[in-house]
All heavy atoms as atom14 arrays in JSON, in Angstrom:
{
  "sequence": "TPSVVERLAARERPEGSPVMYQSWGNLLFMHWE",
  "atom14_mask": [
    [1, 1, 1, 1, 1, 1, 1, 0, 0, 0, 0, 0, 0, 0],
    [1, 1, 1, 1, 1, 1, 1, 0, 0, 0, 0, 0, 0, 0],
    [1, 1, 1, 1, 1, 1, 0, 0, 0, 0, 0, 0, 0, 0],
    [1, 1, 1, 1, 1, 1, 1, 0, 0, 0, 0, 0, 0, 0],
    [1, 1, 1, 1, 1, 1, 1, 0, 0, 0, 0, 0, 0, 0],
    [1, 1, 1, 1, 1, 1, 1, 1, 1, 0, 0, 0, 0, 0],
    [1, 1, 1, 1, 1, 1, 1, 1, 1, 1, 1, 0, 0, 0],
    [1, 1, 1, 1, 1, 1, 1, 1, 0, 0, 0, 0, 0, 0],
    [1, 1, 1, 1, 1, 0, 0, 0, 0, 0, 0, 0, 0, 0],
    [1, 1, 1, 1, 1, 0, 0, 0, 0, 0, 0, 0, 0, 0],
    [1, 1, 1, 1, 1, 1, 1, 1, 1, 1, 1, 0, 0, 0],
    [1, 1, 1, 1, 1, 1, 1, 1, 1, 0, 0, 0, 0, 0],
    [1, 1, 1, 1, 1, 1, 1, 1, 1, 1, 1, 0, 0, 0],
    [1, 1, 1, 1, 1, 1, 1, 0, 0, 0, 0, 0, 0, 0],
    [1, 1, 1, 1, 1, 1, 1, 1, 1, 0, 0, 0, 0, 0],
    [1, 1, 1, 1, 0, 0, 0, 0, 0, 0, 0, 0, 0, 0],
    [1, 1, 1, 1, 1, 1, 0, 0, 0, 0, 0, 0, 0, 0],
    [1, 1, 1, 1, 1, 1, 1, 0, 0, 0, 0, 0, 0, 0],
    [1, 1, 1, 1, 1, 1, 1, 0, 0, 0, 0, 0, 0, 0],
    [1, 1, 1, 1, 1, 1, 1, 1, 0, 0, 0, 0, 0, 0],
    [1, 1, 1, 1, 1, 1, 1, 1, 1, 1, 1, 1, 0, 0],
    [1, 1, 1, 1, 1, 1, 1, 1, 1, 0, 0, 0, 0, 0],
    [1, 1, 1, 1, 1, 1, 0, 0, 0, 0, 0, 0, 0, 0],
    [1, 1, 1, 1, 1, 1, 1, 1, 1, 1, 1, 1, 1, 1],
    [1, 1, 1, 1, 0, 0, 0, 0, 0, 0, 0, 0, 0, 0],
    [1, 1, 1, 1, 1, 1, 1, 1, 0, 0, 0, 0, 0, 0],
    [1, 1, 1, 1, 1, 1, 1, 1, 0, 0, 0, 0, 0, 0],
    [1, 1, 1, 1, 1, 1, 1, 1, 0, 0, 0, 0, 0, 0],
    [1, 1, 1, 1, 1, 1, 1, 1, 1, 1, 1, 0, 0, 0],
    [1, 1, 1, 1, 1, 1, 1, 1, 0, 0, 0, 0, 0, 0],
    [1, 1, 1, 1, 1, 1, 1, 1, 1, 1, 0, 0, 0, 0],
    [1, 1, 1, 1, 1, 1, 1, 1, 1, 1, 1, 1, 1, 1],
    [1, 1, 1, 1, 1, 1, 1, 1, 1, 0, 0, 0, 0, 0]
  ],
  "atom14_positions": [
    [[-23.69, 1.6, -16.1], [-23.25, 2.45, -15.01], [-23.83, 1.96, -13.68], [-24.89, 1.34, -13.65], [-23.68, 3.91, -15.24], [-25.11, 3.98, -15.31], [-23.07, 4.44, -16.53], [0.0, 0.0, 0.0], [0.0, 0.0, 0.0], [0.0, 0.0, 0.0], [0.0, 0.0, 0.0], [0.0, 0.0, 0.0], [0.0, 0.0, 0.0], [0.0, 0.0, 0.0]],
    [[-23.13, 2.22, -12.57], [-23.63, 1.77, -11.27], [-25.01, 2.36, -10.96], [-25.31, 3.5, -11.31], [-22.57, 2.29, -10.3], [-21.33, 2.4, -11.11], [-21.8, 2.83, -12.47], [0.0, 0.0, 0.0], [0.0, 0.0, 0.0], [0.0, 0.0, 0.0], [0.0, 0.0, 0.0], [0.0, 0.0, 0.0], [0.0, 0.0, 0.0], [0.0, 0.0, 0.0]],
    [[-25.82, 1.57, -10.27], [-27.14, 2.02, -9.85], [-27.02, 2.93, -8.63], [-25.96, 3.03, -8.0], [-28.01, 0.82, -9.49], [-27.48, 0.16, -8.35], [0.0, 0.0, 0.0], [0.0, 0.0, 0.0], [0.0, 0.0, 0.0], [0.0, 0.0, 0.0], [0.0, 0.0, 0.0], [0.0, 0.0, 0.0], [0.0, 0.0, 0.0], [0.0, 0.0, 0.0]],
    [[-28.12, 3.59, -8.27], [-28.14, 4.41, -7.06], [-27.82, 3.56, -5.85], [-27.1, 3.99, -4.94], [-29.5, 5.12, -6.91], [-29.59, 5.81, -5.55], [-29.71, 6.14, -8.02], [0.0, 0.0, 0.0], [0.0, 0.0, 0.0], [0.0, 0.0, 0.0], [0.0, 0.0, 0.0], [0.0, 0.0, 0.0], [0.0, 0.0, 0.0], [0.0, 0.0, 0.0]],
    [[-28.33, 2.33, -5.82], [-28.05, 1.42, -4.69], [-26.55, 1.15, -4.59], [-25.97, 1.17, -3.5], [-28.84, 0.11, -4.85], [-28.4, -0.92, -3.82], [-30.33, 0.37, -4.73], [0.0, 0.0, 0.0], [0.0, 0.0, 0.0], [0.0, 0.0, 0.0], [0.0, 0.0, 0.0], [0.0, 0.0, 0.0], [0.0, 0.0, 0.0], [0.0, 0.0, 0.0]],
    [[-25.9, 0.89, -5.72], [-24.45, 0.64, -5.7], [-23.67, 1.89, -5.3], [-22.66, 1.81, -4.6], [-24.0, 0.16, -7.08], [-24.46, -1.27, -7.4], [-24.19, -1.66, -8.83], [-24.44, -0.84, -9.73], [-23.74, -2.81, -9.04], [0.0, 0.0, 0.0], [0.0, 0.0, 0.0], [0.0, 0.0, 0.0], [0.0, 0.0, 0.0], [0.0, 0.0, 0.0]],
    [[-24.15, 3.06, -5.72], [-23.47, 4.3, -5.34], [-23.61, 4.55, -3.83], [-22.67, 5.01, -3.18], [-24.02, 5.47, -6.13], [-23.75, 5.35, -7.63], [-24.21, 6.58, -8.41], [-24.14, 6.33, -9.84], [-23.03, 6.4, -10.56], [-21.88, 6.72, -9.98], [-23.05, 6.16, -11.87], [0.0, 0.0, 0.0], [0.0, 0.0, 0.0], [0.0, 0.0, 0.0]],
    [[-24.76, 4.26, -3.27], [-24.95, 4.41, -1.83], [-24.12, 3.39, -1.06], [-23.58, 3.68, 0.01], [-26.43, 4.29, -1.47], [-27.31, 5.46, -1.91], [-28.78, 5.1, -1.72], [-26.96, 6.71, -1.12], [0.0, 0.0, 0.0], [0.0, 0.0, 0.0], [0.0, 0.0, 0.0], [0.0, 0.0, 0.0], [0.0, 0.0, 0.0], [0.0, 0.0, 0.0]],
    [[-23.99, 2.17, -1.6], [-23.19, 1.14, -0.95], [-21.72, 1.55, -0.87], [-21.04, 1.26, 0.11], [-23.33, -0.19, -1.69], [0.0, 0.0, 0.0], [0.0, 0.0, 0.0], [0.0, 0.0, 0.0], [0.0, 0.0, 0.0], [0.0, 0.0, 0.0], [0.0, 0.0, 0.0], [0.0, 0.0, 0.0], [0.0, 0.0, 0.0], [0.0, 0.0, 0.0]],
    [[-21.23, 2.24, -1.92], [-19.84, 2.7, -1.93], [-19.57, 3.72, -0.83], [-18.42, 3.94, -0.44], [-19.49, 3.28, -3.28], [0.0, 0.0, 0.0], [0.0, 0.0, 0.0], [0.0, 0.0, 0.0], [0.0, 0.0, 0.0], [0.0, 0.0, 0.0], [0.0, 0.0, 0.0], [0.0, 0.0, 0.0], [0.0, 0.0, 0.0], [0.0, 0.0, 0.0]],
    [[-20.62, 4.34, -0.33], [-20.49, 5.36, 0.71], [-20.39, 4.76, 2.11], [-20.04, 5.45, 3.07], [-21.67, 6.33, 0.61], [-21.49, 7.62, 1.34], [-22.47, 8.67, 0.87], [-23.84, 8.38, 1.26], [-24.86, 9.22, 1.08], [-24.64, 10.39, 0.48], [-26.08, 8.91, 1.44], [0.0, 0.0, 0.0], [0.0, 0.0, 0.0], [0.0, 0.0, 0.0]],
    [[-20.72, 3.47, 2.24], [-20.65, 2.82, 3.54], [-19.19, 2.67, 3.99], [-18.29, 2.52, 3.17], [-21.32, 1.45, 3.48], [-22.81, 1.49, 3.19], [-23.58, 2.2, 4.29], [-23.27, 1.95, 5.47], [-24.49, 3.0, 3.95], [0.0, 0.0, 0.0], [0.0, 0.0, 0.0], [0.0, 0.0, 0.0], [0.0, 0.0, 0.0], [0.0, 0.0, 0.0]],
    [[-18.98, 2.69, 5.29], [-17.61, 2.56, 5.81], [-17.07, 1.17, 5.49], [-17.71, 0.16, 5.78], [-17.6, 2.79, 7.32], [-16.2, 2.95, 7.91], [-16.29, 3.3, 9.38], [-14.96, 3.63, 9.92], [-14.11, 2.75, 10.41], [-14.43, 1.46, 10.41], [-12.93, 3.14, 10.87], [0.0, 0.0, 0.0], [0.0, 0.0, 0.0], [0.0, 0.0, 0.0]],
    [[-15.87, 1.09, 4.87], [-15.31, -0.22, 4.51], [-14.97, -1.06, 5.74], [-14.8, -0.55, 6.84], [-14.04, 0.14, 3.73], [-14.22, 1.57, 3.32], [-15.04, 2.2, 4.4], [0.0, 0.0, 0.0], [0.0, 0.0, 0.0], [0.0, 0.0, 0.0], [0.0, 0.0, 0.0], [0.0, 0.0, 0.0], [0.0, 0.0, 0.0], [0.0, 0.0, 0.0]],
    [[-14.84, -2.35, 5.51], [-14.35, -3.24, 6.56], [-12.85, -3.02, 6.76], [-12.17, -2.43, 5.91], [-14.62, -4.69, 6.17], [-16.09, -5.04, 6.07], [-16.31, -6.49, 5.7], [-15.31, -7.19, 5.42], [-17.48, -6.93, 5.68], [0.0, 0.0, 0.0], [0.0, 0.0, 0.0], [0.0, 0.0, 0.0], [0.0, 0.0, 0.0], [0.0, 0.0, 0.0]],
    [[-12.34, -3.53, 7.86], [-10.92, -3.38, 8.14], [-10.6, -2.04, 8.76], [-11.48, -1.32, 9.24], [0.0, 0.0, 0.0], [0.0, 0.0, 0.0], [0.0, 0.0, 0.0], [0.0, 0.0, 0.0], [0.0, 0.0, 0.0], [0.0, 0.0, 0.0], [0.0, 0.0, 0.0], [0.0, 0.0, 0.0], [0.0, 0.0, 0.0], [0.0, 0.0, 0.0]],
    [[-9.33, -1.69, 8.73], [-8.86, -0.49, 9.41], [-8.25, 0.5, 8.42], [-7.52, 0.1, 7.5], [-7.8, -0.84, 10.46], [-8.33, -1.73, 11.43], [0.0, 0.0, 0.0], [0.0, 0.0, 0.0], [0.0, 0.0, 0.0], [0.0, 0.0, 0.0], [0.0, 0.0, 0.0], [0.0, 0.0, 0.0], [0.0, 0.0, 0.0], [0.0, 0.0, 0.0]],
    [[-8.51, 1.78, 8.6], [-7.87, 2.79, 7.75], [-6.39, 2.91, 8.08], [-5.94, 2.47, 9.15], [-8.62, 4.07, 8.1], [-9.09, 3.86, 9.5], [-9.4, 2.39, 9.62], [0.0, 0.0, 0.0], [0.0, 0.0, 0.0], [0.0, 0.0, 0.0], [0.0, 0.0, 0.0], [0.0, 0.0, 0.0], [0.0, 0.0, 0.0], [0.0, 0.0, 0.0]],
    [[-5.64, 3.51, 7.17], [-4.21, 3.73, 7.41], [-3.88, 5.2, 7.6], [-2.79, 5.54, 8.04], [-3.36, 3.15, 6.25], [-3.47, 1.65, 6.22], [-3.75, 3.77, 4.91], [0.0, 0.0, 0.0], [0.0, 0.0, 0.0], [0.0, 0.0, 0.0], [0.0, 0.0, 0.0], [0.0, 0.0, 0.0], [0.0, 0.0, 0.0], [0.0, 0.0, 0.0]],
    [[-4.84, 6.09, 7.24], [-4.59, 7.52, 7.38], [-5.85, 8.24, 7.81], [-6.97, 7.81, 7.5], [-4.11, 8.13, 6.06], [-2.74, 7.72, 5.59], [-2.19, 8.75, 4.19], [-1.89, 10.31, 5.04], [0.0, 0.0, 0.0], [0.0, 0.0, 0.0], [0.0, 0.0, 0.0], [0.0, 0.0, 0.0], [0.0, 0.0, 0.0], [0.0, 0.0, 0.0]],
    [[-5.65, 9.36, 8.51], [-6.71, 10.31, 8.81], [-6.35, 11.64, 8.17], [-5.18, 12.02, 8.1], [-6.85, 10.51, 10.32], [-7.22, 9.28, 11.11], [-6.56, 8.98, 12.3], [-8.23, 8.43, 10.67], [-6.9, 7.87, 13.05], [-8.58, 7.3, 11.41], [-7.91, 7.02, 12.59], [-8.24, 5.91, 13.31], [0.0, 0.0, 0.0], [0.0, 0.0, 0.0]],
    [[-7.36, 12.37, 7.72], [-7.15, 13.73, 7.22], [-8.49, 14.45, 7.19], [-9.55, 13.82, 7.23], [-6.5, 13.73, 5.83], [-7.08, 12.75, 4.83], [-6.2, 12.58, 3.61], [-6.45, 13.17, 2.58], [-5.13, 11.78, 3.75], [0.0, 0.0, 0.0], [0.0, 0.0, 0.0], [0.0, 0.0, 0.0], [0.0, 0.0, 0.0], [0.0, 0.0, 0.0]],
    [[-8.44, 15.77, 7.15], [-9.64, 16.59, 7.03], [-9.53, 17.44, 5.78], [-8.43, 17.89, 5.42], [-9.82, 17.47, 8.26], [-10.02, 16.69, 9.42], [0.0, 0.0, 0.0], [0.0, 0.0, 0.0], [0.0, 0.0, 0.0], [0.0, 0.0, 0.0], [0.0, 0.0, 0.0], [0.0, 0.0, 0.0], [0.0, 0.0, 0.0], [0.0, 0.0, 0.0]],
    [[-10.67, 17.65, 5.11], [-10.72, 18.44, 3.88], [-11.72, 19.57, 4.05], [-12.79, 19.39, 4.64], [-11.18, 17.58, 2.7], [-10.34, 16.37, 2.41], [-9.08, 16.11, 2.84], [-10.72, 15.26, 1.6], [-8.65, 14.9, 2.35], [-9.63, 14.35, 1.58], [-11.87, 14.94, 0.87], [-9.67, 13.15, 0.89], [-11.91, 13.74, 0.17], [-10.82, 12.86, 0.19]],
    [[-11.4, 20.73, 3.49], [-12.33, 21.84, 3.56], [-12.1, 22.87, 2.49], [-11.11, 22.82, 1.76], [0.0, 0.0, 0.0], [0.0, 0.0, 0.0], [0.0, 0.0, 0.0], [0.0, 0.0, 0.0], [0.0, 0.0, 0.0], [0.0, 0.0, 0.0], [0.0, 0.0, 0.0], [0.0, 0.0, 0.0], [0.0, 0.0, 0.0], [0.0, 0.0, 0.0]],
    [[-13.06, 23.81, 2.4], [-13.04, 24.88, 1.39], [-12.76, 24.32, 0.01], [-11.95, 24.84, -0.75], [-12.01, 25.95, 1.75], [-12.35, 27.29, 1.11], [-13.47, 27.5, 0.64], [-11.39, 28.2, 1.08], [0.0, 0.0, 0.0], [0.0, 0.0, 0.0], [0.0, 0.0, 0.0], [0.0, 0.0, 0.0], [0.0, 0.0, 0.0], [0.0, 0.0, 0.0]],
    [[-13.45, 23.23, -0.31], [-13.23, 22.54, -1.59], [-14.21, 23.07, -2.63], [-15.42, 23.05, -2.43], [-13.41, 21.03, -1.41], [-12.93, 20.16, -2.57], [-12.5, 18.79, -2.05], [-14.01, 19.98, -3.61], [0.0, 0.0, 0.0], [0.0, 0.0, 0.0], [0.0, 0.0, 0.0], [0.0, 0.0, 0.0], [0.0, 0.0, 0.0], [0.0, 0.0, 0.0]],
    [[-13.67, 23.55, -3.72], [-14.49, 24.03, -4.84], [-14.52, 22.95, -5.9], [-13.49, 22.62, -6.5], [-13.92, 25.32, -5.42], [-14.81, 25.97, -6.5], [-16.08, 26.53, -5.87], [-14.05, 27.06, -7.25], [0.0, 0.0, 0.0], [0.0, 0.0, 0.0], [0.0, 0.0, 0.0], [0.0, 0.0, 0.0], [0.0, 0.0, 0.0], [0.0, 0.0, 0.0]],
    [[-15.7, 22.37, -6.14], [-15.88, 21.42, -7.23], [-16.19, 22.2, -8.51], [-17.19, 22.93, -8.57], [-17.05, 20.48, -6.95], [-16.86, 19.55, -5.79], [-17.41, 19.85, -4.55], [-16.18, 18.35, -5.94], [-17.27, 18.98, -3.48], [-16.04, 17.47, -4.88], [-16.58, 17.78, -3.65], [0.0, 0.0, 0.0], [0.0, 0.0, 0.0], [0.0, 0.0, 0.0]],
    [[-15.35, 22.06, -9.52], [-15.57, 22.69, -10.82], [-15.64, 21.57, -11.86], [-14.7, 20.78, -11.99], [-14.43, 23.65, -11.16], [-14.13, 24.66, -10.08], [-12.57, 25.57, -10.38], [-13.01, 26.48, -11.85], [0.0, 0.0, 0.0], [0.0, 0.0, 0.0], [0.0, 0.0, 0.0], [0.0, 0.0, 0.0], [0.0, 0.0, 0.0], [0.0, 0.0, 0.0]],
    [[-16.73, 21.49, -12.61], [-16.9, 20.4, -13.57], [-17.34, 20.9, -14.93], [-18.18, 21.81, -15.03], [-17.96, 19.4, -13.06], [-17.49, 18.54, -11.94], [-17.76, 18.82, -10.62], [-16.74, 17.4, -11.94], [-17.22, 17.89, -9.85], [-16.59, 17.02, -10.62], [0.0, 0.0, 0.0], [0.0, 0.0, 0.0], [0.0, 0.0, 0.0], [0.0, 0.0, 0.0]],
    [[-16.76, 20.28, -15.95], [-17.14, 20.54, -17.33], [-17.53, 19.22, -18.0], [-16.9, 18.18, -17.77], [-15.97, 21.12, -18.12], [-15.55, 22.5, -17.75], [-15.93, 23.66, -18.37], [-14.65, 22.88, -16.71], [-15.31, 24.74, -17.77], [-14.52, 24.28, -16.74], [-13.94, 22.16, -15.74], [-13.72, 24.98, -15.86], [-13.13, 22.86, -14.84], [-13.03, 24.25, -14.91]],
    [[-18.54, 19.28, -18.84], [-18.87, 18.11, -19.65], [-17.81, 17.95, -20.74], [-17.37, 18.94, -21.34], [-20.24, 18.28, -20.29], [-20.73, 17.05, -21.04], [-22.12, 17.22, -21.61], [-22.86, 18.13, -21.15], [-22.48, 16.45, -22.53], [0.0, 0.0, 0.0], [0.0, 0.0, 0.0], [0.0, 0.0, 0.0], [0.0, 0.0, 0.0], [0.0, 0.0, 0.0]]
  ]
}
C-alpha cells in the first residue's frame, strides 16, 4: 500500500492545467468495512 509520503504527494497540485472548476459541500462520508 502507498506510504504516508506517497499519499501526501498525491495531494500536491498536479502539473499542467485543469479542465474544470467546481465546488463541493455538505458531503457526508459514510464508510463500511
